[in-house]
C-alpha atoms as a PDB file:
ATOM      1  CA  MET A   1     118.626 122.547  66.086  1.00  0.00           C
ATOM      2  CA  LYS A   2     117.399 118.976  66.093  1.00  0.00           C
ATOM      3  CA  ARG A   3     114.297 118.433  68.145  1.00  0.00           C
ATOM      4  CA  PRO A   4     114.156 115.493  70.552  1.00  0.00           C
ATOM      5  CA  PRO A   5     111.805 112.684  69.539  1.00  0.00           C
ATOM      6  CA  PRO A   6     108.306 112.989  70.971  1.00  0.00           C
ATOM      7  CA  ALA A   7     107.599 111.126  74.187  1.00  0.00           C
ATOM      8  CA  PRO A   8     105.683 107.896  73.694  1.00  0.00           C
ATOM      9  CA  ALA A   9     101.953 108.281  74.125  1.00  0.00           C
ATOM     10  CA  LEU A  10     100.501 106.956  77.340  1.00  0.00           C
ATOM     11  CA  SER A  11      97.983 104.161  77.156  1.00  0.00           C
ATOM     12  CA  GLU A  12      94.370 104.749  78.142  1.00  0.00           C
ATOM     13  CA  ASP A  13      94.989 102.706  81.303  1.00  0.00           C
ATOM     14  CA  ALA A  14      98.008 104.838  82.248  1.00  0.00           C
ATOM     15  CA  ASN A  15      96.052 108.035  81.664  1.00  0.00           C
ATOM     16  CA  ALA A  16      93.188 106.732  83.786  1.00  0.00           C
ATOM     17  CA  ILE A  17      95.582 105.814  86.614  1.00  0.00           C
ATOM     18  CA  ILE A  18      97.249 109.246  86.527  1.00  0.00           C
ATOM     19  CA  ALA A  19      93.860 110.959  86.513  1.00  0.00           C
ATOM     20  CA  MET A  20      92.656 108.871  89.460  1.00  0.00           C
ATOM     21  CA  ALA A  21      95.840 109.543  91.446  1.00  0.00           C
ATOM     22  CA  ALA A  22      95.656 113.270  90.694  1.00  0.00           C
ATOM     23  CA  HIS A  23      91.998 113.347  91.770  1.00  0.00           C
ATOM     24  CA  GLU A  24      92.652 111.619  95.082  1.00  0.00           C
ATOM     25  CA  LEU A  25      95.722 113.747  95.848  1.00  0.00           C
ATOM     26  CA  LYS A  26      93.844 116.938  94.951  1.00  0.00           C
ATOM     27  CA  ASN A  27      91.010 115.969  97.299  1.00  0.00           C
ATOM     28  CA  ALA A  28      93.441 115.324 100.140  1.00  0.00           C
ATOM     29  CA  LEU A  29      95.255 118.612  99.526  1.00  0.00           C
ATOM     30  CA  GLY A  30      91.930 120.419  99.380  1.00  0.00           C
ATOM     31  CA  GLY A  31      90.873 119.003 102.724  1.00  0.00           C
ATOM     32  CA  LEU A  32      94.178 120.000 104.268  1.00  0.00           C
ATOM     33  CA  GLY A  33      93.843 123.493 102.797  1.00  0.00           C
ATOM     34  CA  VAL A  34      90.386 123.929 104.307  1.00  0.00           C
ATOM     35  CA  ALA A  35      91.651 122.808 107.720  1.00  0.00           C
ATOM     36  CA  VAL A  36      94.609 125.231 107.591  1.00  0.00           C
ATOM     37  CA  ALA A  37      92.355 128.097 106.411  1.00  0.00           C
ATOM     38  CA  ARG A  38      90.058 127.469 109.365  1.00  0.00           C
ATOM     39  CA  CYS A  39      92.988 127.733 111.769  1.00  0.00           C
ATOM     40  CA  GLU A  40      94.169 130.942 110.075  1.00  0.00           C
ATOM     41  CA  HIS A  41      90.701 132.475 110.328  1.00  0.00           C
ATOM     42  CA  ARG A  42      90.438 131.741 114.040  1.00  0.00           C
ATOM     43  CA  LEU A  43      93.832 133.324 114.654  1.00  0.00           C
ATOM     44  CA  ALA A  44      92.907 136.372 112.532  1.00  0.00           C
ATOM     45  CA  VAL A  45      89.824 137.090 114.646  1.00  0.00           C
ATOM     46  CA  GLY A  46      91.674 136.540 117.907  1.00  0.00           C
ATOM     47  CA  LYS A  47      90.328 133.082 118.674  1.00  0.00           C
ATOM     48  CA  PRO A  48      92.555 130.190 119.727  1.00  0.00           C
ATOM     49  CA  VAL A  49      93.146 127.227 117.462  1.00  0.00           C
ATOM     50  CA  THR A  50      91.460 124.265 119.140  1.00  0.00           C
ATOM     51  CA  ALA A  51      92.532 120.669 119.451  1.00  0.00           C
ATOM     52  CA  ASP A  52      89.646 119.740 117.143  1.00  0.00           C
ATOM     53  CA  ASP A  53      90.967 122.129 114.467  1.00  0.00           C
ATOM     54  CA  LEU A  54      94.397 120.524 114.634  1.00  0.00           C
ATOM     55  CA  SER A  55      92.890 117.030 114.663  1.00  0.00           C
ATOM     56  CA  VAL A  56      91.129 117.692 111.356  1.00  0.00           C
ATOM     57  CA  ALA A  57      94.344 119.018 109.813  1.00  0.00           C
ATOM     58  CA  ARG A  58      96.321 116.001 111.055  1.00  0.00           C
ATOM     59  CA  ALA A  59      93.698 113.605 109.653  1.00  0.00           C
ATOM     60  CA  GLU A  60      93.940 115.185 106.210  1.00  0.00           C
ATOM     61  CA  LEU A  61      97.738 115.140 106.409  1.00  0.00           C
ATOM     62  CA  ARG A  62      97.684 111.430 107.285  1.00  0.00           C
ATOM     63  CA  ARG A  63      95.362 110.795 104.350  1.00  0.00           C
ATOM     64  CA  LEU A  64      97.716 112.634 101.977  1.00  0.00           C
ATOM     65  CA  SER A  65     100.734 110.798 103.377  1.00  0.00           C
ATOM     66  CA  ALA A  66      98.994 107.437 102.982  1.00  0.00           C
ATOM     67  CA  LEU A  67      98.209 108.143  99.325  1.00  0.00           C
ATOM     68  CA  VAL A  68     101.805 109.110  98.569  1.00  0.00           C
ATOM     69  CA  ASN A  69     103.173 106.100 100.462  1.00  0.00           C
ATOM     70  CA  ASP A  70     100.862 103.768  98.530  1.00  0.00           C
ATOM     71  CA  LEU A  71     102.090 105.184  95.232  1.00  0.00           C
ATOM     72  CA  LEU A  72     105.725 104.802  96.284  1.00  0.00           C
ATOM     73  CA  ASP A  73     105.240 101.283  97.618  1.00  0.00           C
ATOM     74  CA  GLY A  74     103.345 100.317  94.475  1.00  0.00           C
ATOM     75  CA  ALA A  75     106.262 101.518  92.356  1.00  0.00           C
ATOM     76  CA  ARG A  76     108.728  99.558  94.510  1.00  0.00           C
ATOM     77  CA  VAL A  77     106.693  96.383  94.101  1.00  0.00           C
ATOM     78  CA  ASP A  78     106.640  96.835  90.324  1.00  0.00           C
ATOM     79  CA  LEU A  79     110.432  97.212  90.351  1.00  0.00           C
ATOM     80  CA  GLY A  80     110.840  94.176  92.587  1.00  0.00           C
ATOM     81  CA  VAL A  81     112.522  96.141  95.352  1.00  0.00           C
ATOM     82  CA  ILE A  82     110.055  95.739  98.235  1.00  0.00           C
ATOM     83  CA  HIS A  83     112.042  95.046 101.406  1.00  0.00           C
ATOM     84  CA  VAL A  84     110.999  93.408 104.659  1.00  0.00           C
ATOM     85  CA  GLN A  85     112.917  93.538 107.936  1.00  0.00           C
ATOM     86  CA  THR A  86     112.049  90.445 109.891  1.00  0.00           C
ATOM     87  CA  ALA A  87     112.341  89.911 113.616  1.00  0.00           C
ATOM     88  CA  PRO A  88     110.450  87.789 116.162  1.00  0.00           C
ATOM     89  CA  PHE A  89     107.360  89.424 117.696  1.00  0.00           C
ATOM     90  CA  ASP A  90     104.082  88.456 119.336  1.00  0.00           C
ATOM     91  CA  LEU A  91     101.480  88.618 116.564  1.00  0.00           C
ATOM     92  CA  ALA A  92      98.599  88.339 119.034  1.00  0.00           C
ATOM     93  CA  GLU A  93      99.809  91.412 120.916  1.00  0.00           C
ATOM     94  CA  LEU A  94     100.195  93.372 117.687  1.00  0.00           C
ATOM     95  CA  VAL A  95      96.619  92.471 116.722  1.00  0.00           C
ATOM     96  CA  ARG A  96      95.293  93.636 120.102  1.00  0.00           C
ATOM     97  CA  GLU A  97      97.153  96.936 119.791  1.00  0.00           C
ATOM     98  CA  VAL A  98      95.908  97.651 116.264  1.00  0.00           C
ATOM     99  CA  VAL A  99      92.316  96.740 117.103  1.00  0.00           C
ATOM    100  CA  GLU A 100      92.308  98.930 120.215  1.00  0.00           C
ATOM    101  CA  MET A 101      93.512 101.902 118.161  1.00  0.00           C
ATOM    102  CA  PHE A 102      90.930 101.160 115.456  1.00  0.00           C
ATOM    103  CA  ARG A 103      88.111 100.979 118.010  1.00  0.00           C
ATOM    104  CA  ALA A 104      89.097 104.355 119.473  1.00  0.00           C
ATOM    105  CA  ALA A 105      89.553 106.058 116.092  1.00  0.00           C
ATOM    106  CA  ARG A 106      86.435 104.651 114.434  1.00  0.00           C
ATOM    107  CA  ASN A 107      84.192 104.263 117.490  1.00  0.00           C
ATOM    108  CA  ARG A 108      83.478 100.801 116.119  1.00  0.00           C
ATOM    109  CA  GLU A 109      83.091  97.544 117.993  1.00  0.00           C
ATOM    110  CA  VAL A 110      85.391  94.710 116.908  1.00  0.00           C
ATOM    111  CA  THR A 111      85.257  91.161 118.261  1.00  0.00           C
ATOM    112  CA  LEU A 112      88.613  89.478 118.917  1.00  0.00           C
ATOM    113  CA  ASP A 113      89.210  85.734 118.633  1.00  0.00           C
ATOM    114  CA  LEU A 114      92.829  85.291 119.697  1.00  0.00           C
ATOM    115  CA  PRO A 115      94.843  82.517 121.336  1.00  0.00           C
ATOM    116  CA  ALA A 116      95.272  82.789 125.095  1.00  0.00           C
ATOM    117  CA  ARG A 117      99.051  82.533 124.816  1.00  0.00           C
ATOM    118  CA  PRO A 118     101.543  84.667 122.876  1.00  0.00           C
ATOM    119  CA  LEU A 119     101.894  83.705 119.234  1.00  0.00           C
ATOM    120  CA  THR A 120     105.432  84.467 118.118  1.00  0.00           C
ATOM    121  CA  ILE A 121     106.311  84.684 114.441  1.00  0.00           C
ATOM    122  CA  GLU A 122     109.291  86.114 112.566  1.00  0.00           C
ATOM    123  CA  ALA A 123     108.176  88.819 110.151  1.00  0.00           C
ATOM    124  CA  ASP A 124     108.219  92.553 109.453  1.00  0.00           C
ATOM    125  CA  ALA A 125     105.868  93.787 112.171  1.00  0.00           C
ATOM    126  CA  GLU A 126     105.168  97.159 110.530  1.00  0.00           C
ATOM    127  CA  ARG A 127     104.208  95.608 107.203  1.00  0.00           C
ATOM    128  CA  VAL A 128     101.976  93.057 108.930  1.00  0.00           C
ATOM    129  CA  ARG A 129     100.414  95.932 110.865  1.00  0.00           C
ATOM    130  CA  GLY A 130      99.750  97.669 107.538  1.00  0.00           C
ATOM    131  CA  VAL A 131      97.881  94.636 106.200  1.00  0.00           C
ATOM    132  CA  LEU A 132      95.659  94.438 109.290  1.00  0.00           C
ATOM    133  CA  VAL A 133      94.917  98.177 109.206  1.00  0.00           C
ATOM    134  CA  ASN A 134      93.983  97.908 105.529  1.00  0.00           C
ATOM    135  CA  TYR A 135      91.641  94.985 106.180  1.00  0.00           C
ATOM    136  CA  LEU A 136      89.979  96.782 109.091  1.00  0.00           C
ATOM    137  CA  GLU A 137      89.557 100.040 107.165  1.00  0.00           C
ATOM    138  CA  ASN A 138      87.995  98.172 104.253  1.00  0.00           C
ATOM    139  CA  ALA A 139      85.643  96.350 106.609  1.00  0.00           C
ATOM    140  CA  ALA A 140      84.521  99.649 108.142  1.00  0.00           C
ATOM    141  CA  LYS A 141      84.130 101.232 104.702  1.00  0.00           C
ATOM    142  CA  TYR A 142      82.112  98.520 103.013  1.00  0.00           C
ATOM    143  CA  ALA A 143      80.294  97.110 106.057  1.00  0.00           C
ATOM    144  CA  PRO A 144      79.083 100.166 108.011  1.00  0.00           C
ATOM    145  CA  ALA A 145      77.859  99.806 111.602  1.00  0.00           C
ATOM    146  CA  PRO A 146      76.075  97.936 112.998  1.00  0.00           C
ATOM    147  CA  ALA A 147      77.506  95.201 110.763  1.00  0.00           C
ATOM    148  CA  PRO A 148      79.856  93.068 112.898  1.00  0.00           C
ATOM    149  CA  ILE A 149      83.624  92.892 112.443  1.00  0.00           C
ATOM    150  CA  THR A 150      85.687  90.012 113.869  1.00  0.00           C
ATOM    151  CA  VAL A 151      89.468  89.620 113.901  1.00  0.00           C
ATOM    152  CA  SER A 152      90.756  86.088 114.435  1.00  0.00           C
ATOM    153  CA  LEU A 153      94.169  84.493 114.704  1.00  0.00           C
ATOM    154  CA  GLY A 154      95.076  80.831 114.612  1.00  0.00           C
ATOM    155  CA  PRO A 155      96.439  77.939 112.529  1.00  0.00           C
ATOM    156  CA  SER A 156      95.957  78.189 108.779  1.00  0.00           C
ATOM    157  CA  PRO A 157      94.387  75.348 106.759  1.00  0.00           C
ATOM    158  CA  CYS A 158      97.786  75.360 105.011  1.00  0.00           C
ATOM    159  CA  ALA A 159     100.262  73.485 107.212  1.00  0.00           C
ATOM    160  CA  GLY A 160     103.131  75.473 108.712  1.00  0.00           C
ATOM    161  CA  ARG A 161     101.314  78.809 108.558  1.00  0.00           C
ATOM    162  CA  THR A 162      99.423  81.108 110.893  1.00  0.00           C
ATOM    163  CA  ARG A 163      96.269  82.814 109.620  1.00  0.00           C
ATOM    164  CA  LEU A 164      95.187  86.345 110.516  1.00  0.00           C
ATOM    165  CA  ALA A 165      91.645  87.031 109.316  1.00  0.00           C
ATOM    166  CA  VAL A 166      89.201  89.951 109.352  1.00  0.00           C
ATOM    167  CA  ARG A 167      85.568  88.984 108.867  1.00  0.00           C
ATOM    168  CA  ASP A 168      82.769  91.497 108.318  1.00  0.00           C
ATOM    169  CA  GLY A 169      79.000  91.201 108.132  1.00  0.00           C
ATOM    170  CA  GLY A 170      78.634  93.452 105.106  1.00  0.00           C
ATOM    171  CA  PRO A 171      77.054  92.868 101.700  1.00  0.00           C
ATOM    172  CA  GLY A 172      79.785  90.541 100.475  1.00  0.00           C
ATOM    173  CA  ILE A 173      81.707  90.717  97.206  1.00  0.00           C
ATOM    174  CA  PRO A 174      80.413  89.638  93.779  1.00  0.00           C
ATOM    175  CA  LEU A 175      82.012  86.351  92.774  1.00  0.00           C
ATOM    176  CA  ALA A 176      83.138  87.780  89.428  1.00  0.00           C
ATOM    177  CA  ASP A 177      85.158  90.516  91.179  1.00  0.00           C
ATOM    178  CA  GLN A 178      86.938  88.341  93.736  1.00  0.00           C
ATOM    179  CA  PRO A 179      89.806  87.100  91.488  1.00  0.00           C
ATOM    180  CA  ARG A 180      90.781  90.746  90.780  1.00  0.00           C
ATOM    181  CA  LEU A 181      90.614  92.133  94.325  1.00  0.00           C
ATOM    182  CA  PHE A 182      94.367  91.937  94.930  1.00  0.00           C
ATOM    183  CA  GLN A 183      95.303  93.373  91.543  1.00  0.00           C
ATOM    184  CA  ARG A 184      96.814  96.840  91.265  1.00  0.00           C
ATOM    185  CA  PHE A 185      94.333  99.732  91.007  1.00  0.00           C
ATOM    186  CA  PHE A 186      91.269  97.466  91.134  1.00  0.00           C
ATOM    187  CA  ARG A 187      88.230  98.616  93.086  1.00  0.00           C
ATOM    188  CA  VAL A 188      84.870  96.838  93.197  1.00  0.00           C
ATOM    189  CA  PRO A 189      82.817  98.697  90.552  1.00  0.00           C
ATOM    190  CA  THR A 190      79.642  98.894  92.614  1.00  0.00           C
ATOM    191  CA  ALA A 191      81.544 100.548  95.465  1.00  0.00           C
ATOM    192  CA  ALA A 192      84.107 102.587  93.498  1.00  0.00           C
ATOM    193  CA  GLN A 193      82.051 105.770  93.552  1.00  0.00           C
ATOM    194  CA  ARG A 194      82.070 105.865  97.356  1.00  0.00           C
ATOM    195  CA  ALA A 195      85.536 104.404  97.903  1.00  0.00           C
ATOM    196  CA  GLU A 196      88.552 106.570  98.599  1.00  0.00           C
ATOM    197  CA  GLY A 197      92.085 105.625  97.696  1.00  0.00           C
ATOM    198  CA  LEU A 198      93.914 104.398  94.632  1.00  0.00           C
ATOM    199  CA  GLY A 199      93.063 100.719  94.632  1.00  0.00           C
ATOM    200  CA  LEU A 200      96.568  99.857  95.838  1.00  0.00           C
ATOM    201  CA  GLY A 201      95.846  98.699  99.387  1.00  0.00           C
ATOM    202  CA  LEU A 202      95.076  95.044  98.721  1.00  0.00           C
ATOM    203  CA  TYR A 203      97.751  94.891  96.028  1.00  0.00           C
ATOM    204  CA  LEU A 204     100.327  95.936  98.638  1.00  0.00           C
ATOM    205  CA  CYS A 205      98.875  93.439 101.134  1.00  0.00           C
ATOM    206  CA  ARG A 206      99.541  90.683  98.601  1.00  0.00           C
ATOM    207  CA  ALA A 207     103.079  91.961  98.015  1.00  0.00           C
ATOM    208  CA  THR A 208     103.737  91.933 101.773  1.00  0.00           C
ATOM    209  CA  ALA A 209     102.488  88.361 102.088  1.00  0.00           C
ATOM    210  CA  GLU A 210     104.551  87.140  99.150  1.00  0.00           C
ATOM    211  CA  ALA A 211     107.690  88.875 100.452  1.00  0.00           C
ATOM    212  CA  HIS A 212     107.294  86.779 103.616  1.00  0.00           C
ATOM    213  CA  GLY A 213     106.619  83.540 101.754  1.00  0.00           C
ATOM    214  CA  GLY A 214     102.940  83.754 102.711  1.00  0.00           C
ATOM    215  CA  ALA A 215      99.656  84.398 100.943  1.00  0.00           C
ATOM    216  CA  VAL A 216      96.472  86.468 101.069  1.00  0.00           C
ATOM    217  CA  GLY A 217      92.926  85.742  99.980  1.00  0.00           C
ATOM    218  CA  VAL A 218      89.239  86.386 100.453  1.00  0.00           C
ATOM    219  CA  ILE A 219      86.249  84.207 101.266  1.00  0.00           C
ATOM    220  CA  SER A 220      82.924  85.819 100.430  1.00  0.00           C
ATOM    221  CA  GLN A 221      79.418  85.198  99.194  1.00  0.00           C
ATOM    222  CA  PRO A 222      77.063  87.982  98.089  1.00  0.00           C
ATOM    223  CA  SER A 223      74.898  89.139 101.023  1.00  0.00           C
ATOM    224  CA  ALA A 224      76.960  86.998 103.417  1.00  0.00           C
ATOM    225  CA  GLY A 225      79.889  89.237 104.338  1.00  0.00           C
ATOM    226  CA  ALA A 226      83.566  88.796 103.534  1.00  0.00           C
ATOM    227  CA  THR A 227      86.645  87.379 105.230  1.00  0.00           C
ATOM    228  CA  PHE A 228      90.055  88.714 104.186  1.00  0.00           C
ATOM    229  CA  TRP A 229      92.963  86.597 105.388  1.00  0.00           C
ATOM    230  CA  LEU A 230      96.738  86.730 105.605  1.00  0.00           C
ATOM    231  CA  ASP A 231      98.812  83.556 105.993  1.00  0.00           C
ATOM    232  CA  LEU A 232     102.353  83.873 107.361  1.00  0.00           C
ATOM    233  CA  PRO A 233     104.911  81.101 107.960  1.00  0.00           C
ATOM    234  CA  ASP A 234     105.144  79.853 111.523  1.00  0.00           C
ATOM    235  CA  THR A 235     108.424  80.597 113.324  1.00  0.00           C
ATOM    236  CA  ASP A 236     109.560  76.979 113.046  1.00  0.00           C
ATOM    237  CA  SER A 237     108.981  76.955 109.286  1.00  0.00           C
ATOM    238  CA  ALA A 238     110.023  80.551 108.484  1.00  0.00           C
END
C-alpha cells in the first residue's frame, strides 16, 4: 500500500503561533475548569452556588470565546472574507454606552470628550464597538490606575473622516515597535510576558478600519502615554 506523502513541515513562526494559541486557550480552559470545580464542590457539601461563583465562570467563558473569535476573525482576514454590515447609527451614543460598561466592569475612571450633538455615521456598529473595546482594554492593561484614560470623538485631520481616539497616560510605546503594532501576532516585547491574548486585537482593528475605507494608527512617545485612533468616513463621504 502506497503511503501518502509526508505533510510539509511547519515553519518556526507557524510553530510559535500554534504554541502561543494553545497556551492561551489552555489557560482559559483551566480557569473555566477551576470555576466549574468550585461550583461542584459547593453543591457537593450542600452549599448554594453564589452569583460570584457564576460570575467567575462567565468571565472565563467570555475570555475563551474571545480567543476563539479572534482566531476565526484572523483567519477570515487572511482569506479576504471579512464582512461588514453597515447602517446609520449615532457613534457618540455608542461610545458613551461602551465607556459606561467599561467603567462598571473595570472600576476605572474614563474621561469623555464627545460632541454635544449626535454624530451619525454609516458603519458596522458591532465591529466599531469591538475596536473601541480593544483600545480601552489595552489602555487598562498597559496603563494601570491611576493613569488617566480619555476617549474623544471629533473631526479627523484627514478630510471627510471622523476620528475616535483613546488616549492613556501610561509608559508609552517604544518608537521602534510602533510600525509593527497592527501586524498579526505582534505584542510589544517588554510587555509580552504580562499580556494576555494572541496579538490579534490590533490586527483585527486595522482590518475593520480598512473594510470601512478608514484607517487606524497610534501616536506615542516613550514615557508620554499613547493615543490609539480609528478614522471612519463621514456619512456624506461614505
